[in-house]
Amino acid sequence: MLCRTRDELQRYVETSKEWTKKGKVADYIPALGKEDPDDLSIAIHYPNGECVSAGDIKKKFTLQSISKVISLALVLMENGKDFVFDRVGMEPTGDPFNSISKLETMAPAKPLNPMINAGALVVTHMINGDSTEERLQRLLSFVQDLTNDQSVTYNKEVAQSEYETADLNRSLIYFLKQHGMIDEDVEQLIDLYSKQCSIEMNCLDLARIGAVFAMDGADPQTGKQLIPSDVSRICKTFMVTCGMYNASGEFAIKIGIPAKSGVSGGIMGSVPGRFGIGIFGPSLDEKGNSIAGIRLLELLSKDYQLSMF
């Protein structure tokens, strides 16, 4: 078992914390710029319900791009693989998460995968419902089931901050709309996507979602199938190939677990068949990943042989 005691895990946190000074918070979204760059916390959720944690694990943060894995699982469950992958691809890009360049060179202008912003916007567009409120509630209800916490919701301040600074995402939607990949109002989709990225939780909640994916979509405590095993497999594969932005290849070599990061500093890890990991460390490297969080995972993966490769 990985790190049986809090004290053991705390030593890894303290060692990794030194790296926070080498990064910076995502201040291009003003609400995220308020975070303390020295924060670092981790929770590990085992299939038997046991959870070992270290750092300020009750502190809440927004999912940001981690939400892309959850929305993908939802639309695959609602619409099926053929429908989804007719509209978004399965290939890594090697480009920054907010890049528009590949869309301009592809025919049709189909996003290469659901983990870049262009692909994630197409995925969010596929969430069923007659209104933004209904679609958001479908997503929130799914997240609440995954966390077993009906109080999970979105951070209104962060959502508004993202909505007001989302000009590049607006550009992506206009481009995708021009090429027939999206057919809804641009501001409506930006509103929904901003709220999706602003869904808020702590490391314990995130580790529990990671455990659901690790256990092939089954609730780690009840055994209830929350996500079909095939959908869980698809999501974990995207986490390996595209989950850490354009550092995914290096992450796979050095750490080797399915993981998804967000620019809030969150990282969700799913060690197949073993446990879920939730990390929060808002100081980011140049790729947009938690700099101390990656160091923490690297140390744990090396010492406990977590790599799936």
C-alpha atoms as a PDB file:
ATOM      1  CA  MET A   1       0.000   0.000   0.000  1.00  0.00           C
ATOM      2  CA  LEU A   2       1.253   3.477  -0.881  1.00  0.00           C
ATOM      3  CA  CYS A   3       2.042   5.626   2.195  1.00  0.00           C
ATOM      4  CA  ARG A   4       0.159   3.981   5.059  1.00  0.00           C
ATOM      5  CA  THR A   5       0.473   6.990   7.373  1.00  0.00           C
ATOM      6  CA  ARG A   6      -0.089  10.725   7.130  1.00  0.00           C
ATOM      7  CA  ASP A   7       3.411  11.399   8.510  1.00  0.00           C
ATOM      8  CA  GLU A   8       5.014   9.334   5.764  1.00  0.00           C
ATOM      9  CA  LEU A   9       3.063  11.192   3.073  1.00  0.00           C
ATOM     10  CA  GLN A  10       3.753  14.556   4.733  1.00  0.00           C
ATOM     11  CA  ARG A  11       7.490  13.998   4.290  1.00  0.00           C
ATOM     12  CA  TYR A  12       6.976  13.677   0.526  1.00  0.00           C
ATOM     13  CA  VAL A  13       4.899  16.879   0.552  1.00  0.00           C
ATOM     14  CA  GLU A  14       7.575  18.827   2.438  1.00  0.00           C
ATOM     15  CA  THR A  15      10.307  17.614   0.072  1.00  0.00           C
ATOM     16  CA  SER A  16       8.259  18.546  -3.002  1.00  0.00           C
ATOM     17  CA  LYS A  17       7.183  21.940  -1.631  1.00  0.00           C
ATOM     18  CA  GLU A  18      10.627  23.366  -2.391  1.00  0.00           C
ATOM     19  CA  TRP A  19       9.639  23.340  -6.069  1.00  0.00           C
ATOM     20  CA  THR A  20       6.736  25.772  -5.612  1.00  0.00           C
ATOM     21  CA  LYS A  21       9.169  28.700  -5.801  1.00  0.00           C
ATOM     22  CA  LYS A  22      10.088  27.725  -9.378  1.00  0.00           C
ATOM     23  CA  GLY A  23       6.558  28.207 -10.709  1.00  0.00           C
ATOM     24  CA  LYS A  24       3.762  30.778 -10.646  1.00  0.00           C
ATOM     25  CA  VAL A  25       0.001  30.807 -10.231  1.00  0.00           C
ATOM     26  CA  ALA A  26      -2.337  31.193 -13.225  1.00  0.00           C
ATOM     27  CA  ASP A  27      -2.923  34.916 -12.816  1.00  0.00           C
ATOM     28  CA  TYR A  28      -4.241  35.316 -16.374  1.00  0.00           C
ATOM     29  CA  ILE A  29      -7.531  34.245 -14.784  1.00  0.00           C
ATOM     30  CA  PRO A  30      -7.738  36.942 -12.072  1.00  0.00           C
ATOM     31  CA  ALA A  31      -9.623  34.799  -9.533  1.00  0.00           C
ATOM     32  CA  LEU A  32      -6.959  32.065  -9.737  1.00  0.00           C
ATOM     33  CA  GLY A  33      -4.190  34.625  -9.223  1.00  0.00           C
ATOM     34  CA  LYS A  34      -5.281  34.958  -5.586  1.00  0.00           C
ATOM     35  CA  GLU A  35      -4.067  31.456  -4.645  1.00  0.00           C
ATOM     36  CA  ASP A  36      -1.077  30.916  -2.345  1.00  0.00           C
ATOM     37  CA  PRO A  37       1.740  29.531  -4.532  1.00  0.00           C
ATOM     38  CA  ASP A  38       3.240  27.683  -1.537  1.00  0.00           C
ATOM     39  CA  ASP A  39       0.185  25.441  -1.062  1.00  0.00           C
ATOM     40  CA  LEU A  40       0.637  21.718  -1.661  1.00  0.00           C
ATOM     41  CA  SER A  41      -1.655  18.911  -0.547  1.00  0.00           C
ATOM     42  CA  ILE A  42      -2.442  15.324  -1.538  1.00  0.00           C
ATOM     43  CA  ALA A  43      -5.040  12.657  -0.814  1.00  0.00           C
ATOM     44  CA  ILE A  44      -4.876   8.977  -1.780  1.00  0.00           C
ATOM     45  CA  HIS A  45      -8.174   7.081  -1.925  1.00  0.00           C
ATOM     46  CA  TYR A  46      -8.074   3.273  -1.745  1.00  0.00           C
ATOM     47  CA  PRO A  47     -10.801   0.891  -2.989  1.00  0.00           C
ATOM     48  CA  ASN A  48     -11.715  -0.091   0.581  1.00  0.00           C
ATOM     49  CA  GLY A  49     -12.642   3.524   1.352  1.00  0.00           C
ATOM     50  CA  GLU A  50      -9.477   4.252   3.315  1.00  0.00           C
ATOM     51  CA  CYS A  51      -7.913   7.636   2.569  1.00  0.00           C
ATOM     52  CA  VAL A  52      -4.430   8.850   3.513  1.00  0.00           C
ATOM     53  CA  SER A  53      -3.712  12.565   3.097  1.00  0.00           C
ATOM     54  CA  ALA A  54      -1.223  15.341   3.835  1.00  0.00           C
ATOM     55  CA  GLY A  55      -1.260  19.125   3.607  1.00  0.00           C
ATOM     56  CA  ASP A  56      -4.370  21.319   3.782  1.00  0.00           C
ATOM     57  CA  ILE A  57      -6.594  18.731   2.106  1.00  0.00           C
ATOM     58  CA  LYS A  58      -9.846  20.509   3.002  1.00  0.00           C
ATOM     59  CA  LYS A  59      -8.928  23.571   0.920  1.00  0.00           C
ATOM     60  CA  LYS A  60     -11.180  23.853  -2.127  1.00  0.00           C
ATOM     61  CA  PHE A  61     -10.011  24.572  -5.668  1.00  0.00           C
ATOM     62  CA  THR A  62     -11.628  24.553  -9.088  1.00  0.00           C
ATOM     63  CA  LEU A  63     -11.207  21.643 -11.489  1.00  0.00           C
ATOM     64  CA  GLN A  64     -10.398  23.669 -14.613  1.00  0.00           C
ATOM     65  CA  SER A  65      -9.163  21.188 -17.263  1.00  0.00           C
ATOM     66  CA  ILE A  66      -9.631  18.181 -14.967  1.00  0.00           C
ATOM     67  CA  SER A  67     -13.330  18.676 -15.701  1.00  0.00           C
ATOM     68  CA  LYS A  68     -12.635  17.682 -19.314  1.00  0.00           C
ATOM     69  CA  VAL A  69     -12.284  14.024 -18.282  1.00  0.00           C
ATOM     70  CA  ILE A  70     -15.591  14.121 -16.415  1.00  0.00           C
ATOM     71  CA  SER A  71     -17.548  15.868 -19.186  1.00  0.00           C
ATOM     72  CA  LEU A  72     -16.091  13.382 -21.691  1.00  0.00           C
ATOM     73  CA  ALA A  73     -17.295  10.458 -19.582  1.00  0.00           C
ATOM     74  CA  LEU A  74     -20.751  12.029 -19.345  1.00  0.00           C
ATOM     75  CA  VAL A  75     -21.200  12.670 -23.084  1.00  0.00           C
ATOM     76  CA  LEU A  76     -19.897   9.187 -23.932  1.00  0.00           C
ATOM     77  CA  MET A  77     -22.517   7.762 -21.582  1.00  0.00           C
ATOM     78  CA  GLU A  78     -25.243  10.014 -22.999  1.00  0.00           C
ATOM     79  CA  ASN A  79     -24.426   9.899 -26.706  1.00  0.00           C
ATOM     80  CA  GLY A  80     -22.186   6.888 -27.388  1.00  0.00           C
ATOM     81  CA  LYS A  81     -18.678   6.598 -28.823  1.00  0.00           C
ATOM     82  CA  ASP A  82     -19.573   6.923 -32.496  1.00  0.00           C
ATOM     83  CA  PHE A  83     -21.435  10.202 -31.998  1.00  0.00           C
ATOM     84  CA  VAL A  84     -18.674  11.715 -29.839  1.00  0.00           C
ATOM     85  CA  PHE A  85     -15.701  10.669 -31.942  1.00  0.00           C
ATOM     86  CA  ASP A  86     -17.326  11.790 -35.161  1.00  0.00           C
ATOM     87  CA  ARG A  87     -16.892  15.286 -33.705  1.00  0.00           C
ATOM     88  CA  VAL A  88     -13.625  15.098 -31.772  1.00  0.00           C
ATOM     89  CA  GLY A  89     -10.518  13.034 -32.437  1.00  0.00           C
ATOM     90  CA  MET A  90      -8.319  10.701 -30.397  1.00  0.00           C
ATOM     91  CA  GLU A  91      -4.801  11.916 -31.171  1.00  0.00           C
ATOM     92  CA  PRO A  92      -2.294  13.911 -29.055  1.00  0.00           C
ATOM     93  CA  THR A  93      -1.310  17.280 -30.504  1.00  0.00           C
ATOM     94  CA  GLY A  94       1.989  18.307 -28.918  1.00  0.00           C
ATOM     95  CA  ASP A  95       0.591  21.860 -28.925  1.00  0.00           C
ATOM     96  CA  PRO A  96      -0.423  24.073 -25.985  1.00  0.00           C
ATOM     97  CA  PHE A  97      -3.912  23.327 -24.615  1.00  0.00           C
ATOM     98  CA  ASN A  98      -5.385  26.579 -25.995  1.00  0.00           C
ATOM     99  CA  SER A  99      -3.851  26.402 -29.473  1.00  0.00           C
ATOM    100  CA  ILE A 100      -5.956  27.091 -32.561  1.00  0.00           C
ATOM    101  CA  SER A 101      -3.277  26.197 -35.120  1.00  0.00           C
ATOM    102  CA  LYS A 102      -4.180  22.533 -35.724  1.00  0.00           C
ATOM    103  CA  LEU A 103      -7.798  23.466 -36.450  1.00  0.00           C
ATOM    104  CA  GLU A 104      -6.617  25.635 -39.324  1.00  0.00           C
ATOM    105  CA  THR A 105      -4.677  22.817 -40.958  1.00  0.00           C
ATOM    106  CA  MET A 106      -7.176  19.973 -40.441  1.00  0.00           C
ATOM    107  CA  ALA A 107      -9.945  19.160 -42.892  1.00  0.00           C
ATOM    108  CA  PRO A 108     -12.559  19.017 -41.522  1.00  0.00           C
ATOM    109  CA  ALA A 109     -11.701  21.353 -38.632  1.00  0.00           C
ATOM    110  CA  LYS A 110     -12.178  18.604 -36.046  1.00  0.00           C
ATOM    111  CA  PRO A 111     -10.306  19.005 -32.734  1.00  0.00           C
ATOM    112  CA  LEU A 112      -7.648  16.331 -32.359  1.00  0.00           C
ATOM    113  CA  ASN A 113      -8.652  15.257 -28.848  1.00  0.00           C
ATOM    114  CA  PRO A 114     -11.036  16.124 -25.979  1.00  0.00           C
ATOM    115  CA  MET A 115      -8.289  17.341 -23.616  1.00  0.00           C
ATOM    116  CA  ILE A 116      -7.333  20.476 -25.559  1.00  0.00           C
ATOM    117  CA  ASN A 117      -9.676  23.440 -25.230  1.00  0.00           C
ATOM    118  CA  ALA A 118     -11.083  23.146 -28.756  1.00  0.00           C
ATOM    119  CA  GLY A 119     -12.002  19.500 -28.172  1.00  0.00           C
ATOM    120  CA  ALA A 120     -13.317  20.157 -24.672  1.00  0.00           C
ATOM    121  CA  LEU A 121     -15.612  22.893 -25.998  1.00  0.00           C
ATOM    122  CA  VAL A 122     -17.047  20.470 -28.556  1.00  0.00           C
ATOM    123  CA  VAL A 123     -17.541  17.892 -25.778  1.00  0.00           C
ATOM    124  CA  THR A 124     -19.311  20.409 -23.507  1.00  0.00           C
ATOM    125  CA  HIS A 125     -21.479  21.363 -26.486  1.00  0.00           C
ATOM    126  CA  MET A 126     -22.655  17.703 -26.542  1.00  0.00           C
ATOM    127  CA  ILE A 127     -23.985  17.688 -22.948  1.00  0.00           C
ATOM    128  CA  ASN A 128     -27.717  17.035 -23.304  1.00  0.00           C
ATOM    129  CA  GLY A 129     -30.346  19.490 -22.097  1.00  0.00           C
ATOM    130  CA  ASP A 130     -32.615  22.330 -23.204  1.00  0.00           C
ATOM    131  CA  SER A 131     -30.843  25.083 -21.273  1.00  0.00           C
ATOM    132  CA  THR A 132     -27.472  25.992 -19.778  1.00  0.00           C
ATOM    133  CA  GLU A 133     -28.949  25.415 -16.324  1.00  0.00           C
ATOM    134  CA  GLU A 134     -30.239  21.924 -17.168  1.00  0.00           C
ATOM    135  CA  ARG A 135     -26.956  20.887 -18.800  1.00  0.00           C
ATOM    136  CA  LEU A 136     -24.894  22.238 -15.901  1.00  0.00           C
ATOM    137  CA  GLN A 137     -27.120  20.380 -13.439  1.00  0.00           C
ATOM    138  CA  ARG A 138     -26.625  17.111 -15.346  1.00  0.00           C
ATOM    139  CA  LEU A 139     -22.874  17.579 -15.075  1.00  0.00           C
ATOM    140  CA  LEU A 140     -23.008  18.625 -11.402  1.00  0.00           C
ATOM    141  CA  SER A 141     -25.224  15.650 -10.521  1.00  0.00           C
ATOM    142  CA  PHE A 142     -22.707  13.332 -12.173  1.00  0.00           C
ATOM    143  CA  VAL A 143     -19.826  14.928 -10.244  1.00  0.00           C
ATOM    144  CA  GLN A 144     -21.814  14.672  -7.004  1.00  0.00           C
ATOM    145  CA  ASP A 145     -22.319  10.948  -7.630  1.00  0.00           C
ATOM    146  CA  LEU A 146     -18.604  10.462  -8.321  1.00  0.00           C
ATOM    147  CA  THR A 147     -17.586  12.290  -5.131  1.00  0.00           C
ATOM    148  CA  ASN A 148     -20.509  10.959  -3.056  1.00  0.00           C
ATOM    149  CA  ASP A 149     -21.011  14.575  -1.992  1.00  0.00           C
ATOM    150  CA  GLN A 150     -24.236  16.347  -2.942  1.00  0.00           C
ATOM    151  CA  SER A 151     -22.845  19.724  -1.830  1.00  0.00           C
ATOM    152  CA  VAL A 152     -20.291  19.939  -4.656  1.00  0.00           C
ATOM    153  CA  THR A 153     -21.045  22.910  -6.897  1.00  0.00           C
ATOM    154  CA  TYR A 154     -19.201  25.571  -8.896  1.00  0.00           C
ATOM    155  CA  ASN A 155     -17.395  28.711  -7.727  1.00  0.00           C
ATOM    156  CA  LYS A 156     -19.362  31.696  -9.024  1.00  0.00           C
ATOM    157  CA  GLU A 157     -16.468  34.162  -8.651  1.00  0.00           C
ATOM    158  CA  VAL A 158     -14.091  31.976 -10.663  1.00  0.00           C
ATOM    159  CA  ALA A 159     -16.774  31.230 -13.282  1.00  0.00           C
ATOM    160  CA  GLN A 160     -17.398  34.944 -13.786  1.00  0.00           C
ATOM    161  CA  SER A 161     -13.669  35.671 -13.941  1.00  0.00           C
ATOM    162  CA  GLU A 162     -13.217  32.975 -16.584  1.00  0.00           C
ATOM    163  CA  TYR A 163     -16.241  34.135 -18.559  1.00  0.00           C
ATOM    164  CA  GLU A 164     -14.865  37.684 -18.703  1.00  0.00           C
ATOM    165  CA  THR A 165     -11.385  36.567 -19.849  1.00  0.00           C
ATOM    166  CA  ALA A 166     -12.408  33.814 -22.295  1.00  0.00           C
ATOM    167  CA  ASP A 167     -11.703  35.618 -25.562  1.00  0.00           C
ATOM    168  CA  LEU A 168      -9.423  32.889 -26.895  1.00  0.00           C
ATOM    169  CA  ASN A 169     -12.057  30.242 -26.152  1.00  0.00           C
ATOM    170  CA  ARG A 170     -14.619  32.451 -27.870  1.00  0.00           C
ATOM    171  CA  SER A 171     -12.326  32.512 -30.910  1.00  0.00           C
ATOM    172  CA  LEU A 172     -12.126  28.710 -30.872  1.00  0.00           C
ATOM    173  CA  ILE A 173     -15.922  28.423 -30.717  1.00  0.00           C
ATOM    174  CA  TYR A 174     -16.424  30.894 -33.582  1.00  0.00           C
ATOM    175  CA  PHE A 175     -13.922  28.937 -35.673  1.00  0.00           C
ATOM    176  CA  LEU A 176     -15.585  25.614 -34.822  1.00  0.00           C
ATOM    177  CA  LYS A 177     -19.017  27.100 -35.493  1.00  0.00           C
ATOM    178  CA  GLN A 178     -17.897  28.353 -38.896  1.00  0.00           C
ATOM    179  CA  HIS A 179     -16.865  24.785 -39.764  1.00  0.00           C
ATOM    180  CA  GLY A 180     -20.044  23.137 -38.479  1.00  0.00           C
ATOM    181  CA  MET A 181     -18.610  21.473 -35.368  1.00  0.00           C
ATOM    182  CA  ILE A 182     -20.704  23.606 -32.986  1.00  0.00           C
ATOM    183  CA  ASP A 183     -24.205  24.961 -33.584  1.00  0.00           C
ATOM    184  CA  GLU A 184     -25.170  26.827 -30.424  1.00  0.00           C
ATOM    185  CA  ASP A 185     -24.871  30.416 -29.262  1.00  0.00           C
ATOM    186  CA  VAL A 186     -21.240  31.281 -28.493  1.00  0.00           C
ATOM    187  CA  GLU A 187     -21.972  33.098 -25.224  1.00  0.00           C
ATOM    188  CA  GLN A 188     -24.228  30.287 -24.018  1.00  0.00           C
ATOM    189  CA  LEU A 189     -21.454  27.729 -24.525  1.00  0.00           C
ATOM    190  CA  ILE A 190     -18.827  29.999 -22.927  1.00  0.00           C
ATOM    191  CA  ASP A 191     -21.128  30.403 -19.928  1.00  0.00           C
ATOM    192  CA  LEU A 192     -21.573  26.633 -19.534  1.00  0.00           C
ATOM    193  CA  TYR A 193     -17.892  25.873 -20.098  1.00  0.00           C
ATOM    194  CA  SER A 194     -16.777  28.548 -17.612  1.00  0.00           C
ATOM    195  CA  LYS A 195     -19.055  27.045 -14.966  1.00  0.00           C
ATOM    196  CA  GLN A 196     -17.857  23.527 -15.806  1.00  0.00           C
ATOM    197  CA  CYS A 197     -14.215  24.551 -15.301  1.00  0.00           C
ATOM    198  CA  SER A 198     -15.185  26.278 -12.031  1.00  0.00           C
ATOM    199  CA  ILE A 199     -16.622  23.170 -10.361  1.00  0.00           C
ATOM    200  CA  GLU A 200     -14.999  23.212  -6.947  1.00  0.00           C
ATOM    201  CA  MET A 201     -13.836  20.491  -4.550  1.00  0.00           C
ATOM    202  CA  ASN A 202     -10.967  19.445  -2.294  1.00  0.00           C
ATOM    203  CA  CYS A 203      -8.229  16.824  -2.641  1.00  0.00           C
ATOM    204  CA  LEU A 204     -10.321  14.161  -0.904  1.00  0.00           C
ATOM    205  CA  ASP A 205     -13.135  14.578  -3.450  1.00  0.00           C
ATOM    206  CA  LEU A 206     -10.705  14.563  -6.356  1.00  0.00           C
ATOM    207  CA  ALA A 207      -8.944  11.429  -5.090  1.00  0.00           C
ATOM    208  CA  ARG A 208     -12.304   9.685  -4.868  1.00  0.00           C
ATOM    209  CA  ILE A 209     -13.072  10.498  -8.519  1.00  0.00           C
ATOM    210  CA  GLY A 210      -9.595   9.230  -9.387  1.00  0.00           C
ATOM    211  CA  ALA A 211     -10.423   6.007  -7.536  1.00  0.00           C
ATOM    212  CA  VAL A 212     -13.626   5.548  -9.555  1.00  0.00           C
ATOM    213  CA  PHE A 213     -11.599   5.696 -12.781  1.00  0.00           C
ATOM    214  CA  ALA A 214      -8.895   3.471 -11.251  1.00  0.00           C
ATOM    215  CA  MET A 215     -11.528   0.840 -10.463  1.00  0.00           C
ATOM    216  CA  ASP A 216     -12.878   0.813 -14.039  1.00  0.00           C
ATOM    217  CA  GLY A 217     -15.797   3.115 -13.225  1.00  0.00           C
ATOM    218  CA  ALA A 218     -17.010   1.382 -10.058  1.00  0.00           C
ATOM    219  CA  ASP A 219     -17.747   3.250  -6.837  1.00  0.00           C
ATOM    220  CA  PRO A 220     -14.787   2.370  -4.555  1.00  0.00           C
ATOM    221  CA  GLN A 221     -17.069   1.756  -1.578  1.00  0.00           C
ATOM    222  CA  THR A 222     -20.373   0.387  -2.890  1.00  0.00           C
ATOM    223  CA  GLY A 223     -19.131  -1.276  -6.063  1.00  0.00           C
ATOM    224  CA  LYS A 224     -21.947   0.404  -8.037  1.00  0.00           C
ATOM    225  CA  GLN A 225     -20.963   1.009 -11.665  1.00  0.00           C
ATOM    226  CA  LEU A 226     -20.996   4.813 -11.959  1.00  0.00           C
ATOM    227  CA  ILE A 227     -19.223   4.825 -15.331  1.00  0.00           C
ATOM    228  CA  PRO A 228     -19.267   1.929 -17.819  1.00  0.00           C
ATOM    229  CA  SER A 229     -15.888   0.174 -17.756  1.00  0.00           C
ATOM    230  CA  ASP A 230     -15.275   0.862 -21.445  1.00  0.00           C
ATOM    231  CA  VAL A 231     -15.923   4.597 -20.983  1.00  0.00           C
ATOM    232  CA  SER A 232     -13.571   4.601 -17.988  1.00  0.00           C
ATOM    233  CA  ARG A 233     -10.912   2.885 -20.121  1.00  0.00           C
ATOM    234  CA  ILE A 234     -11.252   5.506 -22.859  1.00  0.00           C
ATOM    235  CA  CYS A 235     -10.950   8.354 -20.351  1.00  0.00           C
ATOM    236  CA  LYS A 236      -7.860   6.841 -18.712  1.00  0.00           C
ATOM    237  CA  THR A 237      -6.257   6.393 -22.120  1.00  0.00           C
ATOM    238  CA  PHE A 238      -6.755  10.084 -22.891  1.00  0.00           C
ATOM    239  CA  MET A 239      -5.305  10.907 -19.468  1.00  0.00           C
ATOM    240  CA  VAL A 240      -2.144   9.002 -20.409  1.00  0.00           C
ATOM    241  CA  THR A 241      -1.777  10.410 -23.936  1.00  0.00           C
ATOM    242  CA  CYS A 242      -3.078  13.980 -23.458  1.00  0.00           C
ATOM    243  CA  GLY A 243      -3.807  14.559 -19.774  1.00  0.00           C
ATOM    244  CA  MET A 244      -0.809  16.698 -18.854  1.00  0.00           C
ATOM    245  CA  TYR A 245      -1.037  19.127 -21.776  1.00  0.00           C
ATOM    246  CA  ASN A 246       2.032  19.080 -24.037  1.00  0.00           C
ATOM    247  CA  ALA A 247       4.127  17.499 -21.262  1.00  0.00           C
ATOM    248  CA  SER A 248       2.141  14.241 -21.449  1.00  0.00           C
ATOM    249  CA  GLY A 249       4.908  12.186 -23.073  1.00  0.00           C
ATOM    250  CA  GLU A 250       7.518  13.193 -20.500  1.00  0.00           C
ATOM    251  CA  PHE A 251       5.008  12.593 -17.694  1.00  0.00           C
ATOM    252  CA  ALA A 252       4.274   9.094 -19.031  1.00  0.00           C
ATOM    253  CA  ILE A 253       7.980   8.241 -19.088  1.00  0.00           C
ATOM    254  CA  LYS A 254       8.857   9.693 -15.677  1.00  0.00           C
ATOM    255  CA  ILE A 255       5.667   8.864 -13.738  1.00  0.00           C
ATOM    256  CA  GLY A 256       3.579   6.553 -15.903  1.00  0.00           C
ATOM    257  CA  ILE A 257       0.086   6.829 -14.435  1.00  0.00           C
ATOM    258  CA  PRO A 258      -3.139   8.110 -16.015  1.00  0.00           C
ATOM    259  CA  ALA A 259      -3.500  11.703 -14.793  1.00  0.00           C
ATOM    260  CA  LYS A 260      -5.193  14.986 -15.655  1.00  0.00           C
ATOM    261  CA  SER A 261      -4.111  18.432 -14.569  1.00  0.00           C
ATOM    262  CA  GLY A 262      -5.790  21.831 -14.429  1.00  0.00           C
ATOM    263  CA  VAL A 263      -4.396  25.366 -14.304  1.00  0.00           C
ATOM    264  CA  SER A 264      -5.805  25.833 -10.799  1.00  0.00           C
ATOM    265  CA  GLY A 265      -2.998  23.477  -9.718  1.00  0.00           C
ATOM    266  CA  GLY A 266      -5.089  20.343  -9.369  1.00  0.00           C
ATOM    267  CA  ILE A 267      -3.954  16.909 -10.556  1.00  0.00           C
ATOM    268  CA  MET A 268      -6.164  13.818 -10.588  1.00  0.00           C
ATOM    269  CA  GLY A 269      -4.340  10.498 -10.817  1.00  0.00           C
ATOM    270  CA  SER A 270      -5.782   7.009 -11.321  1.00  0.00           C
ATOM    271  CA  VAL A 271      -3.445   4.096 -10.670  1.00  0.00           C
ATOM    272  CA  PRO A 272      -5.303   1.254 -12.436  1.00  0.00           C
ATOM    273  CA  GLY A 273      -6.821  -1.263 -10.036  1.00  0.00           C
ATOM    274  CA  ARG A 274      -5.137   0.310  -7.018  1.00  0.00           C
ATOM    275  CA  PHE A 275      -6.173   3.841  -5.944  1.00  0.00           C
ATOM    276  CA  GLY A 276      -7.011   7.406  -6.879  1.00  0.00           C
ATOM    277  CA  ILE A 277      -4.889  10.484  -6.161  1.00  0.00           C
ATOM    278  CA  GLY A 278      -5.951  14.103  -5.701  1.00  0.00           C
ATOM    279  CA  ILE A 279      -3.308  16.860  -5.566  1.00  0.00           C
ATOM    280  CA  PHE A 280      -3.533  20.619  -5.209  1.00  0.00           C
ATOM    281  CA  GLY A 281      -0.495  22.842  -5.776  1.00  0.00           C
ATOM    282  CA  PRO A 282      -1.321  26.122  -7.574  1.00  0.00           C
ATOM    283  CA  SER A 283       2.254  27.053  -8.525  1.00  0.00           C
ATOM    284  CA  LEU A 284       2.513  26.020 -12.195  1.00  0.00           C
ATOM    285  CA  ASP A 285       5.336  25.200 -14.576  1.00  0.00           C
ATOM    286  CA  GLU A 286       5.559  26.685 -18.073  1.00  0.00           C
ATOM    287  CA  LYS A 287       3.243  23.969 -19.476  1.00  0.00           C
ATOM    288  CA  GLY A 288       0.445  24.781 -17.006  1.00  0.00           C
ATOM    289  CA  ASN A 289       0.953  21.816 -14.654  1.00  0.00           C
ATOM    290  CA  SER A 290       1.436  21.960 -10.878  1.00  0.00           C
ATOM    291  CA  ILE A 291       5.218  22.089 -10.575  1.00  0.00           C
ATOM    292  CA  ALA A 292       5.397  20.678  -7.036  1.00  0.00           C
ATOM    293  CA  GLY A 293       2.515  18.289  -7.721  1.00  0.00           C
ATOM    294  CA  ILE A 294       4.435  16.677 -10.568  1.00  0.00           C
ATOM    295  CA  ARG A 295       7.544  16.429  -8.394  1.00  0.00           C
ATOM    296  CA  LEU A 296       5.463  14.795  -5.655  1.00  0.00           C
ATOM    297  CA  LEU A 297       4.060  12.233  -8.095  1.00  0.00           C
ATOM    298  CA  GLU A 298       7.507  11.588  -9.515  1.00  0.00           C
ATOM    299  CA  LEU A 299       8.906  10.759  -6.071  1.00  0.00           C
ATOM    300  CA  LEU A 300       5.972   8.517  -5.189  1.00  0.00           C
ATOM    301  CA  SER A 301       6.034   6.732  -8.555  1.00  0.00           C
ATOM    302  CA  LYS A 302       9.742   6.017  -8.233  1.00  0.00           C
ATOM    303  CA  ASP A 303       9.640   4.812  -4.615  1.00  0.00           C
ATOM    304  CA  TYR A 304       6.461   2.733  -4.960  1.00  0.00           C
ATOM    305  CA  GLN A 305       6.816   1.619  -8.614  1.00  0.00           C
ATOM    306  CA  LEU A 306       3.523   3.124  -9.724  1.00  0.00           C
ATOM    307  CA  SER A 307       4.256   3.298 -13.459  1.00  0.00           C
ATOM    308  CA  MET A 308       1.968   1.184 -15.600  1.00  0.00           C
ATOM    309  CA  PHE A 309       4.708   0.820 -18.223  1.00  0.00           C
END
